[in-house]
Amino acid sequence: MNDQTSIEHRSIALVTGANQGVGNEIAKALASNGYIVYIGSRKLENGEKAAAEIGENAKAVQLDVTKQPSIDAAIERINNENGRLDLLVNNAGISHDGKAPKNPEELMASGRAVNVSLGEVRTVWETNVFGVIAMTQAALPLLRKSSAARIVNVSSGLGSLTWISDPECWAREHFGIVYAASKTALNAVTLAFALELEKEGIKVNATSPGYTATALNNFQGTDSLEVGSREPVRVALETDGPTGGFTGPEGPLPW
């Protein structure tokens, strides 16, 4: 088998927000499983550094999911180089609109329904919700050329309406309109795409890394990146799994 034939038979993945955090761990795992992985990063130099650390199976691509021209350019490059996409991991996400890190308490104080800034809601939802819709729609023509197309949306248990409507559940006091509700909306988006694409054989699932130490929570999460990435990696690698699911480190999660 020559090199070109070998490349043509390898799975192609795009992970958004993959220059750091859970996205980076997902990209590493995919690359180690033989995938050609495109490392989506708003700043190309950050993506290039991450790709260099992962190795020859990783390629950096400038990608800002809030900018349609950036999305289109990334998809065009993948099309030109591979002609298809087998796996899209919508991992890019933000928890607030500021540059300075916020701890979980600060995030909650500023995200309450009674005092939330609509500007902050719009900024976070632009990445966490609308960016996923735009990214998925743009990638669909390439995913439709795959024999085992999957979309994995990195969500959060905080987005579970079942959990936060339960007076006894820990998540209830942590629910806010900015970040947590953006994950509720992402879950709805996940189901909407899953329902539409099931007839085409394209699988769409949401998965939660759990409370992982990342920039989203100012690195105050209790789980390591390696632990937090396990479930997203499992779902991403599962070519013959279900569609329309929502799972976390402990198994299925309630919508």
C-alpha atoms as a PDB file:
ATOM      1  CA  MET A   1       0.000   0.000   0.000  1.00  0.00           C
ATOM      2  CA  ASN A   2       1.544   3.294  -1.045  1.00  0.00           C
ATOM      3  CA  ASP A   3       1.450   6.414   1.102  1.00  0.00           C
ATOM      4  CA  GLN A   4      -1.328   8.031  -0.917  1.00  0.00           C
ATOM      5  CA  THR A   5      -3.595   5.004  -0.599  1.00  0.00           C
ATOM      6  CA  SER A   6      -2.848   4.858   3.119  1.00  0.00           C
ATOM      7  CA  ILE A   7      -3.816   8.512   3.558  1.00  0.00           C
ATOM      8  CA  GLU A   8      -7.025   8.045   1.571  1.00  0.00           C
ATOM      9  CA  HIS A   9      -8.164   5.320   3.958  1.00  0.00           C
ATOM     10  CA  ARG A  10      -7.450   7.235   7.151  1.00  0.00           C
ATOM     11  CA  SER A  11     -10.225   8.955   9.033  1.00  0.00           C
ATOM     12  CA  ILE A  12     -10.313  12.752   8.944  1.00  0.00           C
ATOM     13  CA  ALA A  13     -11.374  14.760  12.001  1.00  0.00           C
ATOM     14  CA  LEU A  14     -11.818  18.434  12.811  1.00  0.00           C
ATOM     15  CA  VAL A  15     -11.806  19.516  16.455  1.00  0.00           C
ATOM     16  CA  THR A  16     -12.730  23.122  17.184  1.00  0.00           C
ATOM     17  CA  GLY A  17     -10.973  24.899  20.037  1.00  0.00           C
ATOM     18  CA  ALA A  18      -8.339  22.167  20.021  1.00  0.00           C
ATOM     19  CA  ASN A  19      -5.235  24.160  20.886  1.00  0.00           C
ATOM     20  CA  GLN A  20      -5.823  23.665  24.634  1.00  0.00           C
ATOM     21  CA  GLY A  21      -7.970  21.970  27.246  1.00  0.00           C
ATOM     22  CA  VAL A  22     -10.340  19.096  26.552  1.00  0.00           C
ATOM     23  CA  GLY A  23     -10.248  19.785  22.812  1.00  0.00           C
ATOM     24  CA  ASN A  24      -6.511  19.290  22.781  1.00  0.00           C
ATOM     25  CA  GLU A  25      -6.819  16.014  24.672  1.00  0.00           C
ATOM     26  CA  ILE A  26      -9.454  14.816  22.206  1.00  0.00           C
ATOM     27  CA  ALA A  27      -7.185  15.740  19.298  1.00  0.00           C
ATOM     28  CA  LYS A  28      -4.258  13.852  20.863  1.00  0.00           C
ATOM     29  CA  ALA A  29      -6.364  10.727  21.310  1.00  0.00           C
ATOM     30  CA  LEU A  30      -7.697  10.849  17.765  1.00  0.00           C
ATOM     31  CA  ALA A  31      -4.201  11.301  16.346  1.00  0.00           C
ATOM     32  CA  SER A  32      -2.933   8.363  18.387  1.00  0.00           C
ATOM     33  CA  ASN A  33      -5.740   6.289  16.885  1.00  0.00           C
ATOM     34  CA  GLY A  34      -4.541   7.053  13.372  1.00  0.00           C
ATOM     35  CA  TYR A  35      -6.812   9.961  12.521  1.00  0.00           C
ATOM     36  CA  ILE A  36      -5.625  12.958  10.572  1.00  0.00           C
ATOM     37  CA  VAL A  37      -6.759  15.689  12.955  1.00  0.00           C
ATOM     38  CA  TYR A  38      -7.269  19.327  12.117  1.00  0.00           C
ATOM     39  CA  ILE A  39      -6.589  21.468  15.172  1.00  0.00           C
ATOM     40  CA  GLY A  40      -9.052  24.352  15.024  1.00  0.00           C
ATOM     41  CA  SER A  41      -7.700  27.440  16.794  1.00  0.00           C
ATOM     42  CA  ARG A  42      -8.720  31.083  16.724  1.00  0.00           C
ATOM     43  CA  LYS A  43      -5.035  32.038  16.734  1.00  0.00           C
ATOM     44  CA  LEU A  44      -3.201  30.019  14.116  1.00  0.00           C
ATOM     45  CA  GLU A  45       0.103  30.149  15.992  1.00  0.00           C
ATOM     46  CA  ASN A  46      -1.501  28.478  19.014  1.00  0.00           C
ATOM     47  CA  GLY A  47      -2.868  25.757  16.788  1.00  0.00           C
ATOM     48  CA  GLU A  48       0.492  25.273  15.106  1.00  0.00           C
ATOM     49  CA  LYS A  49       2.191  24.844  18.469  1.00  0.00           C
ATOM     50  CA  ALA A  50      -0.407  22.300  19.573  1.00  0.00           C
ATOM     51  CA  ALA A  51      -0.157  20.404  16.277  1.00  0.00           C
ATOM     52  CA  ALA A  52       3.626  20.266  16.512  1.00  0.00           C
ATOM     53  CA  GLU A  53       3.374  18.767  19.994  1.00  0.00           C
ATOM     54  CA  ILE A  54       0.881  16.130  18.836  1.00  0.00           C
ATOM     55  CA  GLY A  55       2.901  15.076  15.799  1.00  0.00           C
ATOM     56  CA  GLU A  56       2.571  14.420  12.102  1.00  0.00           C
ATOM     57  CA  ASN A  57      -1.076  13.333  12.291  1.00  0.00           C
ATOM     58  CA  ALA A  58      -2.126  16.819  13.429  1.00  0.00           C
ATOM     59  CA  LYS A  59      -2.606  19.895  11.241  1.00  0.00           C
ATOM     60  CA  ALA A  60      -3.366  23.383  12.485  1.00  0.00           C
ATOM     61  CA  VAL A  61      -6.159  25.387  10.876  1.00  0.00           C
ATOM     62  CA  GLN A  62      -7.222  28.922  11.770  1.00  0.00           C
ATOM     63  CA  LEU A  63     -10.812  28.678  12.910  1.00  0.00           C
ATOM     64  CA  ASP A  64     -13.048  31.142  14.716  1.00  0.00           C
ATOM     65  CA  VAL A  65     -16.527  29.621  14.934  1.00  0.00           C
ATOM     66  CA  THR A  66     -18.073  33.084  15.312  1.00  0.00           C
ATOM     67  CA  LYS A  67     -16.725  34.200  11.923  1.00  0.00           C
ATOM     68  CA  GLN A  68     -18.319  32.643   8.827  1.00  0.00           C
ATOM     69  CA  PRO A  69     -15.369  33.431   6.513  1.00  0.00           C
ATOM     70  CA  SER A  70     -13.054  31.619   8.950  1.00  0.00           C
ATOM     71  CA  ILE A  71     -15.380  28.590   9.027  1.00  0.00           C
ATOM     72  CA  ASP A  72     -15.671  28.533   5.239  1.00  0.00           C
ATOM     73  CA  ALA A  73     -11.902  28.771   4.745  1.00  0.00           C
ATOM     74  CA  ALA A  74     -11.259  25.891   7.158  1.00  0.00           C
ATOM     75  CA  ILE A  75     -13.817  23.665   5.453  1.00  0.00           C
ATOM     76  CA  GLU A  76     -12.473  24.576   2.023  1.00  0.00           C
ATOM     77  CA  ARG A  77      -8.984  23.567   3.089  1.00  0.00           C
ATOM     78  CA  ILE A  78     -10.152  20.212   4.434  1.00  0.00           C
ATOM     79  CA  ASN A  79     -12.093  19.633   1.221  1.00  0.00           C
ATOM     80  CA  ASN A  80      -9.081  20.471  -0.949  1.00  0.00           C
ATOM     81  CA  GLU A  81      -6.771  18.215   1.057  1.00  0.00           C
ATOM     82  CA  ASN A  82      -9.092  15.280   1.735  1.00  0.00           C
ATOM     83  CA  GLY A  83     -12.416  15.617  -0.080  1.00  0.00           C
ATOM     84  CA  ARG A  84     -14.375  14.528   2.985  1.00  0.00           C
ATOM     85  CA  LEU A  85     -14.696  14.780   6.765  1.00  0.00           C
ATOM     86  CA  ASP A  86     -15.461  11.772   8.972  1.00  0.00           C
ATOM     87  CA  LEU A  87     -15.723  13.416  12.365  1.00  0.00           C
ATOM     88  CA  LEU A  88     -16.571  16.915  13.587  1.00  0.00           C
ATOM     89  CA  VAL A  89     -16.032  17.647  17.274  1.00  0.00           C
ATOM     90  CA  ASN A  90     -17.679  20.932  18.248  1.00  0.00           C
ATOM     91  CA  ASN A  91     -15.568  21.589  21.320  1.00  0.00           C
ATOM     92  CA  ALA A  92     -14.918  25.354  21.189  1.00  0.00           C
ATOM     93  CA  GLY A  93     -16.640  27.062  24.089  1.00  0.00           C
ATOM     94  CA  ILE A  94     -16.351  30.041  26.405  1.00  0.00           C
ATOM     95  CA  SER A  95     -17.862  30.727  29.827  1.00  0.00           C
ATOM     96  CA  HIS A  96     -17.890  34.545  29.847  1.00  0.00           C
ATOM     97  CA  ASP A  97     -17.072  37.530  27.665  1.00  0.00           C
ATOM     98  CA  GLY A  98     -14.067  38.901  29.538  1.00  0.00           C
ATOM     99  CA  LYS A  99     -10.374  38.371  29.072  1.00  0.00           C
ATOM    100  CA  ALA A 100      -9.610  37.997  32.789  1.00  0.00           C
ATOM    101  CA  PRO A 101     -10.361  34.534  34.235  1.00  0.00           C
ATOM    102  CA  LYS A 102     -13.343  34.159  36.529  1.00  0.00           C
ATOM    103  CA  ASN A 103     -13.792  31.570  39.235  1.00  0.00           C
ATOM    104  CA  PRO A 104     -17.095  29.608  39.392  1.00  0.00           C
ATOM    105  CA  GLU A 105     -18.516  31.907  42.075  1.00  0.00           C
ATOM    106  CA  GLU A 106     -17.886  35.004  39.958  1.00  0.00           C
ATOM    107  CA  LEU A 107     -19.425  33.310  36.933  1.00  0.00           C
ATOM    108  CA  MET A 108     -22.562  32.494  38.873  1.00  0.00           C
ATOM    109  CA  ALA A 109     -22.887  35.979  40.375  1.00  0.00           C
ATOM    110  CA  SER A 110     -22.759  37.584  36.938  1.00  0.00           C
ATOM    111  CA  GLY A 111     -24.959  34.993  35.241  1.00  0.00           C
ATOM    112  CA  ARG A 112     -28.125  35.192  37.311  1.00  0.00           C
ATOM    113  CA  ALA A 113     -31.315  35.831  35.342  1.00  0.00           C
ATOM    114  CA  VAL A 114     -32.119  38.929  37.404  1.00  0.00           C
ATOM    115  CA  ASN A 115     -28.889  40.773  36.673  1.00  0.00           C
ATOM    116  CA  VAL A 116     -27.256  39.152  33.656  1.00  0.00           C
ATOM    117  CA  SER A 117     -25.742  41.305  30.942  1.00  0.00           C
ATOM    118  CA  LEU A 118     -27.392  40.638  27.595  1.00  0.00           C
ATOM    119  CA  GLY A 119     -24.106  41.512  25.951  1.00  0.00           C
ATOM    120  CA  GLU A 120     -22.382  38.691  27.823  1.00  0.00           C
ATOM    121  CA  VAL A 121     -25.178  36.271  26.941  1.00  0.00           C
ATOM    122  CA  ARG A 122     -24.847  37.145  23.266  1.00  0.00           C
ATOM    123  CA  THR A 123     -21.067  36.777  23.311  1.00  0.00           C
ATOM    124  CA  VAL A 124     -21.087  33.357  24.981  1.00  0.00           C
ATOM    125  CA  TRP A 125     -24.001  32.008  22.957  1.00  0.00           C
ATOM    126  CA  GLU A 126     -22.343  33.215  19.757  1.00  0.00           C
ATOM    127  CA  THR A 127     -19.589  30.656  20.357  1.00  0.00           C
ATOM    128  CA  ASN A 128     -21.371  27.934  22.317  1.00  0.00           C
ATOM    129  CA  VAL A 129     -24.620  27.787  20.334  1.00  0.00           C
ATOM    130  CA  PHE A 130     -24.630  29.736  17.077  1.00  0.00           C
ATOM    131  CA  GLY A 131     -21.031  28.772  16.338  1.00  0.00           C
ATOM    132  CA  VAL A 132     -21.955  25.090  16.588  1.00  0.00           C
ATOM    133  CA  ILE A 133     -24.884  25.555  14.202  1.00  0.00           C
ATOM    134  CA  ALA A 134     -22.749  27.458  11.687  1.00  0.00           C
ATOM    135  CA  MET A 135     -19.867  24.984  11.963  1.00  0.00           C
ATOM    136  CA  THR A 136     -22.109  21.955  11.563  1.00  0.00           C
ATOM    137  CA  GLN A 137     -23.970  23.351   8.574  1.00  0.00           C
ATOM    138  CA  ALA A 138     -20.703  24.239   6.840  1.00  0.00           C
ATOM    139  CA  ALA A 139     -19.228  20.782   7.484  1.00  0.00           C
ATOM    140  CA  LEU A 140     -22.241  18.784   6.313  1.00  0.00           C
ATOM    141  CA  PRO A 141     -21.280  18.581   2.619  1.00  0.00           C
ATOM    142  CA  LEU A 142     -17.967  16.958   3.613  1.00  0.00           C
ATOM    143  CA  LEU A 143     -19.526  14.755   6.293  1.00  0.00           C
ATOM    144  CA  ARG A 144     -22.007  13.457   3.726  1.00  0.00           C
ATOM    145  CA  LYS A 145     -19.051  12.069   1.755  1.00  0.00           C
ATOM    146  CA  SER A 146     -17.994   9.880   4.693  1.00  0.00           C
ATOM    147  CA  SER A 147     -19.133   6.294   5.195  1.00  0.00           C
ATOM    148  CA  ALA A 148     -19.203   6.754   8.984  1.00  0.00           C
ATOM    149  CA  ALA A 149     -19.882  10.432   9.674  1.00  0.00           C
ATOM    150  CA  ARG A 150     -20.215  11.601  13.257  1.00  0.00           C
ATOM    151  CA  ILE A 151     -20.723  14.906  15.033  1.00  0.00           C
ATOM    152  CA  VAL A 152     -19.849  15.217  18.711  1.00  0.00           C
ATOM    153  CA  ASN A 153     -20.891  18.318  20.630  1.00  0.00           C
ATOM    154  CA  VAL A 154     -19.046  18.925  23.899  1.00  0.00           C
ATOM    155  CA  SER A 155     -21.771  19.937  26.342  1.00  0.00           C
ATOM    156  CA  SER A 156     -22.130  19.979  30.137  1.00  0.00           C
ATOM    157  CA  GLY A 157     -24.283  18.354  32.788  1.00  0.00           C
ATOM    158  CA  LEU A 158     -25.137  21.900  33.866  1.00  0.00           C
ATOM    159  CA  GLY A 159     -27.263  22.112  30.727  1.00  0.00           C
ATOM    160  CA  SER A 160     -29.602  19.354  31.909  1.00  0.00           C
ATOM    161  CA  LEU A 161     -33.084  20.751  32.544  1.00  0.00           C
ATOM    162  CA  THR A 162     -33.936  17.521  34.360  1.00  0.00           C
ATOM    163  CA  TRP A 163     -31.106  18.092  36.795  1.00  0.00           C
ATOM    164  CA  ILE A 164     -31.652  21.785  37.460  1.00  0.00           C
ATOM    165  CA  SER A 165     -35.417  21.349  37.927  1.00  0.00           C
ATOM    166  CA  ASP A 166     -34.768  18.815  40.708  1.00  0.00           C
ATOM    167  CA  PRO A 167     -34.655  20.609  44.117  1.00  0.00           C
ATOM    168  CA  GLU A 168     -32.249  17.958  45.415  1.00  0.00           C
ATOM    169  CA  CYS A 169     -29.738  18.174  42.575  1.00  0.00           C
ATOM    170  CA  TRP A 170     -26.390  19.923  43.049  1.00  0.00           C
ATOM    171  CA  ALA A 171     -26.610  21.527  39.594  1.00  0.00           C
ATOM    172  CA  ARG A 172     -29.648  23.637  40.501  1.00  0.00           C
ATOM    173  CA  GLU A 173     -27.719  26.343  42.356  1.00  0.00           C
ATOM    174  CA  HIS A 174     -25.121  26.570  39.593  1.00  0.00           C
ATOM    175  CA  PHE A 175     -27.527  27.248  36.749  1.00  0.00           C
ATOM    176  CA  GLY A 176     -27.266  30.606  35.016  1.00  0.00           C
ATOM    177  CA  ILE A 177     -28.305  32.158  31.738  1.00  0.00           C
ATOM    178  CA  VAL A 178     -24.823  32.759  30.334  1.00  0.00           C
ATOM    179  CA  TYR A 179     -22.895  29.474  30.290  1.00  0.00           C
ATOM    180  CA  ALA A 180     -25.178  26.755  31.680  1.00  0.00           C
ATOM    181  CA  ALA A 181     -28.190  27.770  29.605  1.00  0.00           C
ATOM    182  CA  SER A 182     -25.973  27.925  26.515  1.00  0.00           C
ATOM    183  CA  LYS A 183     -25.334  24.216  27.074  1.00  0.00           C
ATOM    184  CA  THR A 184     -29.069  23.606  27.432  1.00  0.00           C
ATOM    185  CA  ALA A 185     -29.494  25.291  24.056  1.00  0.00           C
ATOM    186  CA  LEU A 186     -26.591  23.249  22.661  1.00  0.00           C
ATOM    187  CA  ASN A 187     -28.350  20.070  23.772  1.00  0.00           C
ATOM    188  CA  ALA A 188     -31.463  21.162  21.880  1.00  0.00           C
ATOM    189  CA  VAL A 189     -29.326  21.923  18.819  1.00  0.00           C
ATOM    190  CA  THR A 190     -27.748  18.476  19.130  1.00  0.00           C
ATOM    191  CA  LEU A 191     -31.136  16.771  19.094  1.00  0.00           C
ATOM    192  CA  ALA A 192     -32.374  18.915  16.217  1.00  0.00           C
ATOM    193  CA  PHE A 193     -29.413  17.888  14.056  1.00  0.00           C
ATOM    194  CA  ALA A 194     -29.648  14.257  15.211  1.00  0.00           C
ATOM    195  CA  LEU A 195     -33.295  14.056  14.162  1.00  0.00           C
ATOM    196  CA  GLU A 196     -32.602  15.642  10.776  1.00  0.00           C
ATOM    197  CA  LEU A 197     -29.490  13.637   9.969  1.00  0.00           C
ATOM    198  CA  GLU A 198     -30.495  10.222  11.263  1.00  0.00           C
ATOM    199  CA  LYS A 199     -32.061   9.359   7.909  1.00  0.00           C
ATOM    200  CA  GLU A 200     -28.701  10.099   6.260  1.00  0.00           C
ATOM    201  CA  GLY A 201     -26.786   7.877   8.644  1.00  0.00           C
ATOM    202  CA  ILE A 202     -24.901  10.782  10.250  1.00  0.00           C
ATOM    203  CA  LYS A 203     -24.679  10.377  14.021  1.00  0.00           C
ATOM    204  CA  VAL A 204     -24.940  13.386  16.320  1.00  0.00           C
ATOM    205  CA  ASN A 205     -24.326  13.185  20.063  1.00  0.00           C
ATOM    206  CA  ALA A 206     -23.650  15.454  23.027  1.00  0.00           C
ATOM    207  CA  THR A 207     -21.154  14.545  25.714  1.00  0.00           C
ATOM    208  CA  SER A 208     -20.021  16.123  28.967  1.00  0.00           C
ATOM    209  CA  PRO A 209     -16.422  15.932  30.184  1.00  0.00           C
ATOM    210  CA  GLY A 210     -17.579  16.402  33.782  1.00  0.00           C
ATOM    211  CA  TYR A 211     -16.061  19.004  36.084  1.00  0.00           C
ATOM    212  CA  THR A 212     -12.695  19.227  34.380  1.00  0.00           C
ATOM    213  CA  ALA A 213      -9.975  21.709  35.237  1.00  0.00           C
ATOM    214  CA  THR A 214      -9.878  24.041  32.231  1.00  0.00           C
ATOM    215  CA  ALA A 215      -9.759  27.744  31.422  1.00  0.00           C
ATOM    216  CA  LEU A 216     -13.593  27.691  31.453  1.00  0.00           C
ATOM    217  CA  ASN A 217     -13.596  27.464  35.252  1.00  0.00           C
ATOM    218  CA  ASN A 218     -10.238  29.109  35.919  1.00  0.00           C
ATOM    219  CA  PHE A 219      -8.779  25.594  36.327  1.00  0.00           C
ATOM    220  CA  GLN A 220     -10.805  24.913  39.476  1.00  0.00           C
ATOM    221  CA  GLY A 221     -12.391  21.738  38.132  1.00  0.00           C
ATOM    222  CA  THR A 222     -11.772  18.563  40.091  1.00  0.00           C
ATOM    223  CA  ASP A 223     -10.993  16.245  37.168  1.00  0.00           C
ATOM    224  CA  SER A 224      -7.821  16.208  35.085  1.00  0.00           C
ATOM    225  CA  LEU A 225      -7.912  16.817  31.330  1.00  0.00           C
ATOM    226  CA  GLU A 226      -7.072  13.162  30.758  1.00  0.00           C
ATOM    227  CA  VAL A 227     -10.036  12.040  32.845  1.00  0.00           C
ATOM    228  CA  GLY A 228     -12.335  14.702  31.426  1.00  0.00           C
ATOM    229  CA  SER A 229     -11.575  13.800  27.830  1.00  0.00           C
ATOM    230  CA  ARG A 230     -12.334  10.083  28.192  1.00  0.00           C
ATOM    231  CA  GLU A 231     -16.049  10.223  27.452  1.00  0.00           C
ATOM    232  CA  PRO A 232     -15.787  12.700  24.540  1.00  0.00           C
ATOM    233  CA  VAL A 233     -13.005  10.534  23.073  1.00  0.00           C
ATOM    234  CA  ARG A 234     -15.058   7.354  23.498  1.00  0.00           C
ATOM    235  CA  VAL A 235     -18.058   8.876  21.749  1.00  0.00           C
ATOM    236  CA  ALA A 236     -15.886  10.374  19.001  1.00  0.00           C
ATOM    237  CA  LEU A 237     -14.220   7.038  18.220  1.00  0.00           C
ATOM    238  CA  GLU A 238     -17.467   5.052  18.273  1.00  0.00           C
ATOM    239  CA  THR A 239     -18.221   4.620  14.572  1.00  0.00           C
ATOM    240  CA  ASP A 240     -21.111   2.203  15.116  1.00  0.00           C
ATOM    241  CA  GLY A 241     -22.697   3.779  18.191  1.00  0.00           C
ATOM    242  CA  PRO A 242     -26.122   5.364  18.723  1.00  0.00           C
ATOM    243  CA  THR A 243     -27.255   8.833  17.723  1.00  0.00           C
ATOM    244  CA  GLY A 244     -29.122  11.523  19.650  1.00  0.00           C
ATOM    245  CA  GLY A 245     -27.475  10.676  22.955  1.00  0.00           C
ATOM    246  CA  PHE A 246     -26.242  12.741  25.888  1.00  0.00           C
ATOM    247  CA  THR A 247     -23.594  11.093  28.052  1.00  0.00           C
ATOM    248  CA  GLY A 248     -21.044  11.973  30.717  1.00  0.00           C
ATOM    249  CA  PRO A 249     -18.243  10.272  32.626  1.00  0.00           C
ATOM    250  CA  GLU A 250     -20.737   8.133  34.566  1.00  0.00           C
ATOM    251  CA  GLY A 251     -22.896   7.162  31.573  1.00  0.00           C
ATOM    252  CA  PRO A 252     -26.141   8.527  30.084  1.00  0.00           C
ATOM    253  CA  LEU A 253     -27.271  11.996  31.215  1.00  0.00           C
ATOM    254  CA  PRO A 254     -30.860  13.254  31.355  1.00  0.00           C
ATOM    255  CA  TRP A 255     -31.812  16.021  28.938  1.00  0.00           C
END
